[in-house]
């Protein structure tokens, strides 16, 4: 199981995947806005999305778990 975490504090602008989706390493999972920049958060491993721990508009902190891939 792989946990994808936020690299820094910010706001979730968009979630690109749903629970049950199959993703490959480096696929875009969501968009995080931090310091007035939008940055894509990508899968760190291939697998199936088991859990999404955030939604559009959520404020997240550095190292918060955003998506769980199994």
N, C-alpha and C. Protein backbone atom coordinates (compact mmCIF):
# COMPACT_ATOMS: atom_id res chain seq x y z
N UNK A 1 0.86 -1.18 0.00
CA UNK A 1 0.00 0.00 0.00
C UNK A 1 0.90 1.24 0.00
N UNK A 2 0.52 2.22 -0.80
CA UNK A 2 1.29 3.46 -0.93
C UNK A 2 0.43 4.65 -0.55
N UNK A 3 0.97 5.53 0.26
CA UNK A 3 0.27 6.76 0.63
C UNK A 3 0.91 7.93 -0.12
N UNK A 4 0.08 8.68 -0.84
CA UNK A 4 0.55 9.87 -1.54
C UNK A 4 0.28 11.06 -0.63
N UNK A 5 1.34 11.83 -0.31
CA UNK A 5 1.21 12.92 0.65
C UNK A 5 1.40 14.28 -0.01
N UNK A 6 0.96 15.31 0.68
CA UNK A 6 1.12 16.69 0.21
C UNK A 6 2.57 17.12 0.43
N UNK A 7 3.22 17.68 -0.59
CA UNK A 7 4.61 18.13 -0.42
C UNK A 7 4.72 19.40 0.43
N UNK A 8 3.62 20.16 0.50
CA UNK A 8 3.58 21.38 1.31
C UNK A 8 2.13 21.73 1.60
N UNK A 9 1.91 22.64 2.51
CA UNK A 9 0.56 23.07 2.84
C UNK A 9 -0.07 23.79 1.65
N UNK A 10 -1.37 23.62 1.49
CA UNK A 10 -2.06 24.28 0.39
C UNK A 10 -3.53 23.93 0.37
N UNK A 11 -4.15 24.19 -0.78
CA UNK A 11 -5.58 23.96 -0.96
C UNK A 11 -5.79 23.04 -2.16
N UNK A 12 -6.68 22.06 -2.00
CA UNK A 12 -6.99 21.14 -3.09
C UNK A 12 -7.87 21.86 -4.10
N UNK A 13 -7.38 21.97 -5.34
CA UNK A 13 -8.12 22.67 -6.39
C UNK A 13 -8.98 21.71 -7.22
N UNK A 14 -8.51 20.46 -7.39
CA UNK A 14 -9.25 19.50 -8.19
C UNK A 14 -8.77 18.09 -7.86
N UNK A 15 -9.71 17.15 -7.85
CA UNK A 15 -9.38 15.73 -7.67
C UNK A 15 -9.67 15.03 -8.99
N UNK A 16 -8.67 14.38 -9.56
CA UNK A 16 -8.76 13.81 -10.91
C UNK A 16 -9.13 12.33 -10.93
N UNK A 17 -9.14 11.67 -9.76
CA UNK A 17 -9.40 10.23 -9.70
C UNK A 17 -10.55 9.94 -8.73
N UNK A 18 -11.07 8.71 -8.82
CA UNK A 18 -12.11 8.24 -7.91
C UNK A 18 -11.65 6.93 -7.29
N UNK A 19 -12.25 6.57 -6.16
CA UNK A 19 -11.94 5.29 -5.53
C UNK A 19 -12.26 4.18 -6.53
N UNK A 20 -11.34 3.24 -6.65
CA UNK A 20 -11.51 2.12 -7.58
C UNK A 20 -10.79 2.31 -8.90
N UNK A 21 -10.37 3.54 -9.21
CA UNK A 21 -9.64 3.79 -10.45
C UNK A 21 -8.27 3.10 -10.41
N UNK A 22 -7.84 2.59 -11.55
CA UNK A 22 -6.50 2.05 -11.68
C UNK A 22 -5.59 3.16 -12.18
N UNK A 23 -4.45 3.35 -11.51
CA UNK A 23 -3.51 4.41 -11.89
C UNK A 23 -2.12 3.81 -12.10
N UNK A 24 -1.35 4.50 -12.93
CA UNK A 24 0.05 4.13 -13.15
C UNK A 24 0.93 5.15 -12.45
N UNK A 25 2.16 4.74 -12.16
CA UNK A 25 3.11 5.67 -11.55
C UNK A 25 3.20 6.92 -12.42
N UNK A 26 3.21 8.08 -11.79
CA UNK A 26 3.29 9.41 -12.42
C UNK A 26 1.97 9.89 -13.04
N UNK A 27 0.86 9.15 -12.89
CA UNK A 27 -0.45 9.66 -13.31
C UNK A 27 -0.86 10.79 -12.36
N UNK A 28 -1.51 11.81 -12.91
CA UNK A 28 -1.97 12.94 -12.10
C UNK A 28 -3.18 12.53 -11.26
N UNK A 29 -3.10 12.76 -9.96
CA UNK A 29 -4.18 12.40 -9.04
C UNK A 29 -5.03 13.60 -8.66
N UNK A 30 -4.36 14.72 -8.39
CA UNK A 30 -5.08 15.93 -7.99
C UNK A 30 -4.20 17.15 -8.21
N UNK A 31 -4.82 18.32 -8.04
CA UNK A 31 -4.11 19.59 -8.19
C UNK A 31 -4.11 20.29 -6.84
N UNK A 32 -2.91 20.69 -6.40
CA UNK A 32 -2.74 21.40 -5.13
C UNK A 32 -2.30 22.82 -5.43
N UNK A 33 -2.96 23.80 -4.81
CA UNK A 33 -2.53 25.19 -4.94
C UNK A 33 -1.76 25.54 -3.68
N UNK A 34 -0.53 26.00 -3.88
CA UNK A 34 0.32 26.41 -2.76
C UNK A 34 1.16 27.60 -3.21
N UNK A 35 1.24 28.61 -2.39
CA UNK A 35 2.01 29.81 -2.71
C UNK A 35 1.62 30.40 -4.07
N UNK A 36 0.33 30.42 -4.36
CA UNK A 36 -0.24 30.97 -5.59
C UNK A 36 0.20 30.23 -6.85
N UNK A 37 0.66 28.98 -6.68
CA UNK A 37 1.01 28.14 -7.83
C UNK A 37 0.17 26.87 -7.76
N UNK A 38 -0.23 26.37 -8.92
CA UNK A 38 -0.92 25.09 -8.98
C UNK A 38 0.10 24.01 -9.32
N UNK A 39 0.10 22.93 -8.52
CA UNK A 39 1.04 21.85 -8.80
C UNK A 39 0.30 20.53 -8.85
N UNK A 40 0.60 19.73 -9.87
CA UNK A 40 -0.03 18.40 -9.94
C UNK A 40 0.60 17.48 -8.90
N UNK A 41 -0.23 16.68 -8.25
CA UNK A 41 0.23 15.64 -7.34
C UNK A 41 0.04 14.33 -8.10
N UNK A 42 1.12 13.57 -8.25
CA UNK A 42 1.09 12.37 -9.08
C UNK A 42 1.23 11.11 -8.24
N UNK A 43 0.80 10.00 -8.82
CA UNK A 43 0.92 8.70 -8.16
C UNK A 43 2.39 8.33 -8.02
N UNK A 44 2.76 7.83 -6.85
CA UNK A 44 4.14 7.42 -6.61
C UNK A 44 4.32 5.93 -6.89
N UNK A 45 3.22 5.25 -7.21
CA UNK A 45 3.26 3.82 -7.54
C UNK A 45 2.04 3.49 -8.39
N UNK A 46 2.10 2.38 -9.10
CA UNK A 46 0.96 1.90 -9.87
C UNK A 46 0.06 1.07 -8.96
N UNK A 47 -1.25 1.08 -9.25
CA UNK A 47 -2.18 0.28 -8.46
C UNK A 47 -3.59 0.81 -8.58
N UNK A 48 -4.41 0.45 -7.61
CA UNK A 48 -5.81 0.87 -7.58
C UNK A 48 -6.00 1.87 -6.45
N UNK A 49 -6.78 2.93 -6.71
CA UNK A 49 -7.06 3.94 -5.69
C UNK A 49 -7.97 3.31 -4.64
N UNK A 50 -7.46 3.17 -3.42
CA UNK A 50 -8.22 2.56 -2.33
C UNK A 50 -9.01 3.61 -1.55
N UNK A 51 -8.40 4.79 -1.36
CA UNK A 51 -9.03 5.81 -0.53
C UNK A 51 -8.56 7.19 -0.96
N UNK A 52 -9.48 8.15 -0.95
CA UNK A 52 -9.16 9.56 -1.20
C UNK A 52 -9.49 10.30 0.08
N UNK A 53 -8.49 10.91 0.70
CA UNK A 53 -8.67 11.51 2.02
C UNK A 53 -8.87 13.03 1.97
N UNK A 54 -9.19 13.56 0.79
CA UNK A 54 -9.42 14.99 0.66
C UNK A 54 -10.44 15.22 -0.44
N UNK A 55 -10.97 16.42 -0.49
CA UNK A 55 -11.90 16.79 -1.55
C UNK A 55 -11.59 18.21 -2.02
N UNK A 56 -12.16 18.58 -3.14
CA UNK A 56 -11.94 19.91 -3.70
C UNK A 56 -12.28 20.97 -2.65
N UNK A 57 -11.36 21.91 -2.48
CA UNK A 57 -11.58 23.00 -1.53
C UNK A 57 -10.96 22.78 -0.15
N UNK A 58 -10.54 21.55 0.14
CA UNK A 58 -9.93 21.25 1.45
C UNK A 58 -8.57 21.93 1.58
N UNK A 59 -8.29 22.41 2.78
CA UNK A 59 -6.95 22.89 3.12
C UNK A 59 -6.19 21.71 3.70
N UNK A 60 -4.97 21.50 3.22
CA UNK A 60 -4.15 20.38 3.69
C UNK A 60 -2.81 20.90 4.17
N UNK A 61 -2.21 20.14 5.07
CA UNK A 61 -0.90 20.49 5.59
C UNK A 61 0.19 19.68 4.92
N UNK A 62 1.43 20.09 5.11
CA UNK A 62 2.57 19.35 4.58
C UNK A 62 2.55 17.93 5.16
N UNK A 63 2.79 16.97 4.31
CA UNK A 63 2.84 15.54 4.68
C UNK A 63 1.50 14.92 5.03
N UNK A 64 0.38 15.65 4.84
CA UNK A 64 -0.94 15.03 5.01
C UNK A 64 -1.12 13.97 3.93
N UNK A 65 -1.74 12.83 4.31
CA UNK A 65 -2.03 11.78 3.32
C UNK A 65 -3.23 12.22 2.50
N UNK A 66 -3.08 12.21 1.18
CA UNK A 66 -4.13 12.66 0.27
C UNK A 66 -4.84 11.48 -0.40
N UNK A 67 -4.06 10.50 -0.87
CA UNK A 67 -4.61 9.36 -1.59
C UNK A 67 -3.86 8.10 -1.15
N UNK A 68 -4.60 7.00 -1.02
CA UNK A 68 -4.00 5.71 -0.71
C UNK A 68 -4.17 4.81 -1.93
N UNK A 69 -3.05 4.23 -2.38
CA UNK A 69 -3.05 3.34 -3.55
C UNK A 69 -2.64 1.95 -3.08
N UNK A 70 -3.38 0.91 -3.53
CA UNK A 70 -2.96 -0.46 -3.18
C UNK A 70 -2.68 -1.27 -4.42
